[in-house]
Amino acid sequence: MIKYKLICHDCQTSFDSWFSSSKEYDKLKKKKFLTCHNCNSLKIEKTLMTPNVFRLRNNTKIDANDKKFKDIKEITSKYQKFIKKNLNNVGEDFAYEARLIHYKEKKFSKGIYGSATEDDLKQLKEEGIKTQTINWIKNETN
């Protein structure tokens, strides 16, 4: 089983869905069986999805030598390197800068990344400004 985060390009609704495999997703998409539960649009696509990171239960610790943990950390690190190389970091001014770009008050040559509150992201979405979130991990162990 595989879980994908999907987005409707017509109404911007995002939702999760389970598939038996990635091939199953492709097959259903090709046959036009994937529709938005909100507006019935067929314009459904997979979006960038962060891996499901380990949950700590009863104060158990994650073994930093665990292969699955290392693999997730490596993939996330590659995403972060790509973002740092190809986008402009606007820090905590993300919502402000996104609005400037969206309303064409500022020209930009690259995309932006930074931090925003959940409320900021909700307001941006209501204004029709598309954003994407990912978990950011700090490299504390070199």
C-alpha atoms as a PDB file:
ATOM      1  CA  MET A   1       0.000   0.000   0.000  1.00  0.00           C
ATOM      2  CA  ILE A   2       1.115   3.535  -0.756  1.00  0.00           C
ATOM      3  CA  LYS A   3      -0.376   6.835   0.337  1.00  0.00           C
ATOM      4  CA  TYR A   4      -0.219   9.915  -1.897  1.00  0.00           C
ATOM      5  CA  LYS A   5      -1.113  13.511  -1.175  1.00  0.00           C
ATOM      6  CA  LEU A   6      -3.275  14.619  -4.110  1.00  0.00           C
ATOM      7  CA  ILE A   7      -4.392  18.078  -5.205  1.00  0.00           C
ATOM      8  CA  CYS A   8      -7.241  19.209  -7.424  1.00  0.00           C
ATOM      9  CA  HIS A   9      -6.049  21.866  -9.842  1.00  0.00           C
ATOM     10  CA  ASP A  10      -9.568  23.259 -10.249  1.00  0.00           C
ATOM     11  CA  CYS A  11     -10.558  23.928  -6.624  1.00  0.00           C
ATOM     12  CA  GLN A  12      -7.118  23.590  -4.950  1.00  0.00           C
ATOM     13  CA  THR A  13      -8.422  20.974  -2.507  1.00  0.00           C
ATOM     14  CA  SER A  14      -5.721  18.643  -1.245  1.00  0.00           C
ATOM     15  CA  PHE A  15      -6.373  15.216   0.204  1.00  0.00           C
ATOM     16  CA  ASP A  16      -4.652  11.909   0.905  1.00  0.00           C
ATOM     17  CA  SER A  17      -5.511   8.663  -0.825  1.00  0.00           C
ATOM     18  CA  TRP A  18      -4.257   5.096  -0.524  1.00  0.00           C
ATOM     19  CA  PHE A  19      -3.343   2.908  -3.523  1.00  0.00           C
ATOM     20  CA  SER A  20      -2.196  -0.682  -3.733  1.00  0.00           C
ATOM     21  CA  SER A  21       0.915   0.490  -5.637  1.00  0.00           C
ATOM     22  CA  SER A  22       2.260   3.408  -7.652  1.00  0.00           C
ATOM     23  CA  LYS A  23       1.278   1.468 -10.801  1.00  0.00           C
ATOM     24  CA  GLU A  24      -2.293   1.307  -9.518  1.00  0.00           C
ATOM     25  CA  TYR A  25      -2.342   5.102  -9.158  1.00  0.00           C
ATOM     26  CA  ASP A  26      -1.052   5.477 -12.739  1.00  0.00           C
ATOM     27  CA  LYS A  27      -3.653   3.009 -14.044  1.00  0.00           C
ATOM     28  CA  LEU A  28      -6.553   4.783 -12.307  1.00  0.00           C
ATOM     29  CA  LYS A  29      -5.291   8.175 -13.479  1.00  0.00           C
ATOM     30  CA  LYS A  30      -5.013   6.977 -17.085  1.00  0.00           C
ATOM     31  CA  LYS A  31      -8.565   5.553 -17.011  1.00  0.00           C
ATOM     32  CA  LYS A  32      -9.821   8.840 -15.518  1.00  0.00           C
ATOM     33  CA  PHE A  33     -11.127   7.198 -12.357  1.00  0.00           C
ATOM     34  CA  LEU A  34      -9.514   9.759 -10.043  1.00  0.00           C
ATOM     35  CA  THR A  35     -11.837  12.653  -9.281  1.00  0.00           C
ATOM     36  CA  CYS A  36     -11.915  15.414  -6.710  1.00  0.00           C
ATOM     37  CA  HIS A  37     -14.323  14.655  -3.888  1.00  0.00           C
ATOM     38  CA  ASN A  38     -15.056  18.388  -3.620  1.00  0.00           C
ATOM     39  CA  CYS A  39     -15.792  19.444  -7.232  1.00  0.00           C
ATOM     40  CA  ASN A  40     -15.645  16.163  -9.250  1.00  0.00           C
ATOM     41  CA  SER A  41     -12.809  17.498 -11.417  1.00  0.00           C
ATOM     42  CA  LEU A  42     -10.494  15.046 -13.179  1.00  0.00           C
ATOM     43  CA  LYS A  43      -7.536  17.446 -12.813  1.00  0.00           C
ATOM     44  CA  ILE A  44      -5.982  15.514  -9.924  1.00  0.00           C
ATOM     45  CA  GLU A  45      -2.194  15.301  -9.468  1.00  0.00           C
ATOM     46  CA  LYS A  46       0.219  13.949  -6.886  1.00  0.00           C
ATOM     47  CA  THR A  47       2.035  16.621  -4.882  1.00  0.00           C
ATOM     48  CA  LEU A  48       5.305  16.668  -3.023  1.00  0.00           C
ATOM     49  CA  MET A  49       4.846  14.677   0.121  1.00  0.00           C
ATOM     50  CA  THR A  50       7.134  14.525   3.093  1.00  0.00           C
ATOM     51  CA  PRO A  51       7.913  11.065   4.407  1.00  0.00           C
ATOM     52  CA  ASN A  52       6.056   9.788   7.420  1.00  0.00           C
ATOM     53  CA  VAL A  53       8.696  10.225  10.107  1.00  0.00           C
ATOM     54  CA  PHE A  54       8.915   8.012  13.161  1.00  0.00           C
ATOM     55  CA  ARG A  55       6.676   8.839  16.084  1.00  0.00           C
ATOM     56  CA  LEU A  56       8.099   8.704  19.555  1.00  0.00           C
ATOM     57  CA  ARG A  57       6.025   6.671  21.980  1.00  0.00           C
ATOM     58  CA  ASN A  58       6.627   6.374  25.692  1.00  0.00           C
ATOM     59  CA  ASN A  59       9.776   8.488  25.416  1.00  0.00           C
ATOM     60  CA  THR A  60      11.492   5.876  23.249  1.00  0.00           C
ATOM     61  CA  LYS A  61      14.410   7.225  21.285  1.00  0.00           C
ATOM     62  CA  ILE A  62      15.072   6.947  17.573  1.00  0.00           C
ATOM     63  CA  ASP A  63      18.193   5.010  16.745  1.00  0.00           C
ATOM     64  CA  ALA A  64      20.190   7.364  14.503  1.00  0.00           C
ATOM     65  CA  ASN A  65      21.904   4.295  13.027  1.00  0.00           C
ATOM     66  CA  ASP A  66      18.599   2.797  11.845  1.00  0.00           C
ATOM     67  CA  LYS A  67      18.626   2.373   8.038  1.00  0.00           C
ATOM     68  CA  LYS A  68      15.080   3.671   7.510  1.00  0.00           C
ATOM     69  CA  PHE A  69      15.843   6.768   9.577  1.00  0.00           C
ATOM     70  CA  LYS A  70      19.060   7.391   7.626  1.00  0.00           C
ATOM     71  CA  ASP A  71      17.268   6.950   4.274  1.00  0.00           C
ATOM     72  CA  ILE A  72      14.531   9.430   5.200  1.00  0.00           C
ATOM     73  CA  LYS A  73      17.065  11.933   6.473  1.00  0.00           C
ATOM     74  CA  GLU A  74      19.132  11.592   3.276  1.00  0.00           C
ATOM     75  CA  ILE A  75      16.128  12.125   0.980  1.00  0.00           C
ATOM     76  CA  THR A  76      14.946  15.118   3.001  1.00  0.00           C
ATOM     77  CA  SER A  77      18.472  16.537   2.916  1.00  0.00           C
ATOM     78  CA  LYS A  78      18.518  16.272  -0.892  1.00  0.00           C
ATOM     79  CA  TYR A  79      15.210  18.179  -1.108  1.00  0.00           C
ATOM     80  CA  GLN A  80      16.591  20.849   1.186  1.00  0.00           C
ATOM     81  CA  LYS A  81      19.794  21.225  -0.856  1.00  0.00           C
ATOM     82  CA  PHE A  82      17.758  21.574  -4.062  1.00  0.00           C
ATOM     83  CA  ILE A  83      15.528  24.213  -2.463  1.00  0.00           C
ATOM     84  CA  LYS A  84      18.488  26.182  -1.089  1.00  0.00           C
ATOM     85  CA  LYS A  85      20.239  26.099  -4.464  1.00  0.00           C
ATOM     86  CA  ASN A  86      17.252  27.002  -6.657  1.00  0.00           C
ATOM     87  CA  LEU A  87      15.024  29.262  -4.546  1.00  0.00           C
ATOM     88  CA  ASN A  88      15.478  32.525  -2.640  1.00  0.00           C
ATOM     89  CA  ASN A  89      15.222  32.303   1.146  1.00  0.00           C
ATOM     90  CA  VAL A  90      12.950  35.097   2.379  1.00  0.00           C
ATOM     91  CA  GLY A  91      12.885  33.829   5.978  1.00  0.00           C
ATOM     92  CA  GLU A  92       9.922  34.864   8.096  1.00  0.00           C
ATOM     93  CA  ASP A  93       8.780  37.298   5.365  1.00  0.00           C
ATOM     94  CA  PHE A  94       7.436  34.427   3.257  1.00  0.00           C
ATOM     95  CA  ALA A  95       3.753  35.456   3.341  1.00  0.00           C
ATOM     96  CA  TYR A  96       4.595  39.108   2.591  1.00  0.00           C
ATOM     97  CA  GLU A  97       6.935  38.216  -0.304  1.00  0.00           C
ATOM     98  CA  ALA A  98       4.460  35.674  -1.727  1.00  0.00           C
ATOM     99  CA  ARG A  99       1.787  38.376  -1.853  1.00  0.00           C
ATOM    100  CA  LEU A 100       4.154  40.845  -3.569  1.00  0.00           C
ATOM    101  CA  ILE A 101       4.892  38.274  -6.254  1.00  0.00           C
ATOM    102  CA  HIS A 102       1.277  37.125  -6.617  1.00  0.00           C
ATOM    103  CA  TYR A 103      -0.106  40.630  -6.988  1.00  0.00           C
ATOM    104  CA  LYS A 104       2.745  41.472  -9.392  1.00  0.00           C
ATOM    105  CA  GLU A 105       4.155  44.238  -7.223  1.00  0.00           C
ATOM    106  CA  LYS A 106       7.544  42.565  -7.374  1.00  0.00           C
ATOM    107  CA  LYS A 107       9.294  40.726 -10.177  1.00  0.00           C
ATOM    108  CA  PHE A 108      11.198  37.593  -9.368  1.00  0.00           C
ATOM    109  CA  SER A 109      13.563  35.354 -11.231  1.00  0.00           C
ATOM    110  CA  LYS A 110      13.404  32.389  -8.841  1.00  0.00           C
ATOM    111  CA  GLY A 111      10.828  30.963  -6.516  1.00  0.00           C
ATOM    112  CA  ILE A 112      10.950  31.659  -2.803  1.00  0.00           C
ATOM    113  CA  TYR A 113      11.013  29.667   0.388  1.00  0.00           C
ATOM    114  CA  GLY A 114      10.854  30.597   4.035  1.00  0.00           C
ATOM    115  CA  SER A 115       8.683  30.141   7.076  1.00  0.00           C
ATOM    116  CA  ALA A 116       5.063  31.059   7.714  1.00  0.00           C
ATOM    117  CA  THR A 117       2.475  30.393  10.362  1.00  0.00           C
ATOM    118  CA  GLU A 118      -0.494  28.103   9.734  1.00  0.00           C
ATOM    119  CA  ASP A 119      -2.702  31.198   9.785  1.00  0.00           C
ATOM    120  CA  ASP A 120      -0.515  32.881   7.127  1.00  0.00           C
ATOM    121  CA  LEU A 121      -0.754  29.792   4.921  1.00  0.00           C
ATOM    122  CA  LYS A 122      -4.526  29.650   5.348  1.00  0.00           C
ATOM    123  CA  GLN A 123      -4.859  33.315   4.355  1.00  0.00           C
ATOM    124  CA  LEU A 124      -2.582  32.839   1.334  1.00  0.00           C
ATOM    125  CA  LYS A 125      -4.729  29.924   0.182  1.00  0.00           C
ATOM    126  CA  GLU A 126      -7.895  32.002   0.598  1.00  0.00           C
ATOM    127  CA  GLU A 127      -6.293  34.673  -1.610  1.00  0.00           C
ATOM    128  CA  GLY A 128      -5.557  32.078  -4.287  1.00  0.00           C
ATOM    129  CA  ILE A 129      -1.809  32.009  -3.634  1.00  0.00           C
ATOM    130  CA  LYS A 130      -0.442  28.483  -3.999  1.00  0.00           C
ATOM    131  CA  THR A 131       2.106  27.283  -1.453  1.00  0.00           C
ATOM    132  CA  GLN A 132       3.658  23.970  -0.496  1.00  0.00           C
ATOM    133  CA  THR A 133       5.001  22.939   2.893  1.00  0.00           C
ATOM    134  CA  ILE A 134       7.730  20.484   3.788  1.00  0.00           C
ATOM    135  CA  ASN A 135       9.287  19.492   7.084  1.00  0.00           C
ATOM    136  CA  TRP A 136      12.725  21.048   7.462  1.00  0.00           C
ATOM    137  CA  ILE A 137      15.341  19.140   9.408  1.00  0.00           C
ATOM    138  CA  LYS A 138      18.426  20.697  10.866  1.00  0.00           C
ATOM    139  CA  ASN A 139      21.623  18.745  10.497  1.00  0.00           C
ATOM    140  CA  GLU A 140      22.711  18.501  14.109  1.00  0.00           C
ATOM    141  CA  THR A 141      25.055  15.547  13.695  1.00  0.00           C
ATOM    142  CA  ASN A 142      27.106  16.624  10.668  1.00  0.00           C
END
